[in-house]
Amino acid sequence: MSRTLEEVAAYIDEHSNALPSQSPQEQYEHFEMLAIAVLDSEFDNYPDGTLQDFLMDYLATKCKQLSL
């Protein structure tokens, strides 16, 4: 069963928030690591490029939110 893109974002947010306080750069790197893991495990559950494009936009948004 594939998750909606909103569920993917919620999963990454939830697992990132479980970590102790980190610098913005460390937070972003963790978001990136989780996004890569999701892409590796679920890329074939979505139309070609859909999950990758979503995750790239998600990471760009996180980068702006963290002022990086």
C-alpha atoms as a PDB file:
ATOM      1  CA  MET A   1       0.000   0.000   0.000  1.00  0.00           C
ATOM      2  CA  SER A   2       1.413   3.367  -0.934  1.00  0.00           C
ATOM      3  CA  ARG A   3       1.034   6.447   1.198  1.00  0.00           C
ATOM      4  CA  THR A   4      -0.359   9.733   0.011  1.00  0.00           C
ATOM      5  CA  LEU A   5       2.242  12.428  -0.473  1.00  0.00           C
ATOM      6  CA  GLU A   6       0.852  14.194   2.594  1.00  0.00           C
ATOM      7  CA  GLU A   7       1.425  11.018   4.612  1.00  0.00           C
ATOM      8  CA  VAL A   8       5.004  10.862   3.328  1.00  0.00           C
ATOM      9  CA  ALA A   9       5.634  14.419   4.544  1.00  0.00           C
ATOM     10  CA  ALA A  10       4.000  13.667   7.901  1.00  0.00           C
ATOM     11  CA  TYR A  11       6.160  10.550   8.285  1.00  0.00           C
ATOM     12  CA  ILE A  12       9.357  12.511   7.661  1.00  0.00           C
ATOM     13  CA  ASP A  13       8.266  15.334   9.983  1.00  0.00           C
ATOM     14  CA  GLU A  14       7.319  12.898  12.741  1.00  0.00           C
ATOM     15  CA  HIS A  15      10.596  11.016  12.591  1.00  0.00           C
ATOM     16  CA  SER A  16      12.634  14.217  12.413  1.00  0.00           C
ATOM     17  CA  ASN A  17      10.927  15.655  15.477  1.00  0.00           C
ATOM     18  CA  ALA A  18      11.887  12.593  17.513  1.00  0.00           C
ATOM     19  CA  LEU A  19      15.515  13.725  17.616  1.00  0.00           C
ATOM     20  CA  PRO A  20      17.023  15.921  20.301  1.00  0.00           C
ATOM     21  CA  SER A  21      17.608  19.567  19.470  1.00  0.00           C
ATOM     22  CA  GLN A  22      20.045  20.032  16.610  1.00  0.00           C
ATOM     23  CA  SER A  23      21.476  22.854  14.550  1.00  0.00           C
ATOM     24  CA  PRO A  24      19.447  23.861  11.484  1.00  0.00           C
ATOM     25  CA  GLN A  25      22.040  22.224   9.215  1.00  0.00           C
ATOM     26  CA  GLU A  26      21.843  18.953  11.155  1.00  0.00           C
ATOM     27  CA  GLN A  27      18.049  19.091  11.051  1.00  0.00           C
ATOM     28  CA  TYR A  28      18.087  19.562   7.287  1.00  0.00           C
ATOM     29  CA  GLU A  29      20.538  16.691   6.828  1.00  0.00           C
ATOM     30  CA  HIS A  30      18.219  14.449   8.814  1.00  0.00           C
ATOM     31  CA  PHE A  31      15.220  15.510   6.694  1.00  0.00           C
ATOM     32  CA  GLU A  32      17.301  14.747   3.621  1.00  0.00           C
ATOM     33  CA  MET A  33      18.347  11.325   4.925  1.00  0.00           C
ATOM     34  CA  LEU A  34      14.735  10.394   5.669  1.00  0.00           C
ATOM     35  CA  ALA A  35      13.573  11.642   2.267  1.00  0.00           C
ATOM     36  CA  ILE A  36      16.202   9.492   0.544  1.00  0.00           C
ATOM     37  CA  ALA A  37      15.143   6.455   2.569  1.00  0.00           C
ATOM     38  CA  VAL A  38      11.494   7.007   1.620  1.00  0.00           C
ATOM     39  CA  LEU A  39      12.428   7.462  -2.032  1.00  0.00           C
ATOM     40  CA  ASP A  40      14.517   4.285  -2.026  1.00  0.00           C
ATOM     41  CA  SER A  41      11.781   2.215  -0.426  1.00  0.00           C
ATOM     42  CA  GLU A  42       8.668   3.621  -2.087  1.00  0.00           C
ATOM     43  CA  PHE A  43       9.642   5.034  -5.503  1.00  0.00           C
ATOM     44  CA  ASP A  44       7.865   2.242  -7.376  1.00  0.00           C
ATOM     45  CA  ASN A  45       4.554   2.958  -5.593  1.00  0.00           C
ATOM     46  CA  TYR A  46       4.115   6.278  -7.446  1.00  0.00           C
ATOM     47  CA  PRO A  47       4.029   7.371 -11.075  1.00  0.00           C
ATOM     48  CA  ASP A  48       7.489   7.976 -12.514  1.00  0.00           C
ATOM     49  CA  GLY A  49       9.106  11.038 -10.943  1.00  0.00           C
ATOM     50  CA  THR A  50       6.137  11.980  -8.746  1.00  0.00           C
ATOM     51  CA  LEU A  51       7.662  11.043  -5.396  1.00  0.00           C
ATOM     52  CA  GLN A  52      11.090  12.423  -6.327  1.00  0.00           C
ATOM     53  CA  ASP A  53       9.612  15.770  -7.393  1.00  0.00           C
ATOM     54  CA  PHE A  54       7.506  15.953  -4.242  1.00  0.00           C
ATOM     55  CA  LEU A  55      10.490  15.203  -2.003  1.00  0.00           C
ATOM     56  CA  MET A  56      12.671  17.775  -3.766  1.00  0.00           C
ATOM     57  CA  ASP A  57       9.987  20.428  -3.183  1.00  0.00           C
ATOM     58  CA  TYR A  58       9.569  19.248   0.415  1.00  0.00           C
ATOM     59  CA  LEU A  59      13.304  19.581   1.061  1.00  0.00           C
ATOM     60  CA  ALA A  60      13.434  23.022  -0.581  1.00  0.00           C
ATOM     61  CA  THR A  61      10.642  24.157   1.733  1.00  0.00           C
ATOM     62  CA  LYS A  62      12.444  22.758   4.787  1.00  0.00           C
ATOM     63  CA  CYS A  63      15.640  24.504   3.705  1.00  0.00           C
ATOM     64  CA  LYS A  64      13.797  27.856   3.591  1.00  0.00           C
ATOM     65  CA  GLN A  65      12.062  27.185   6.923  1.00  0.00           C
ATOM     66  CA  LEU A  66      15.440  26.492   8.538  1.00  0.00           C
ATOM     67  CA  SER A  67      16.919  29.652   6.944  1.00  0.00           C
ATOM     68  CA  LEU A  68      19.650  27.737   5.156  1.00  0.00           C
END
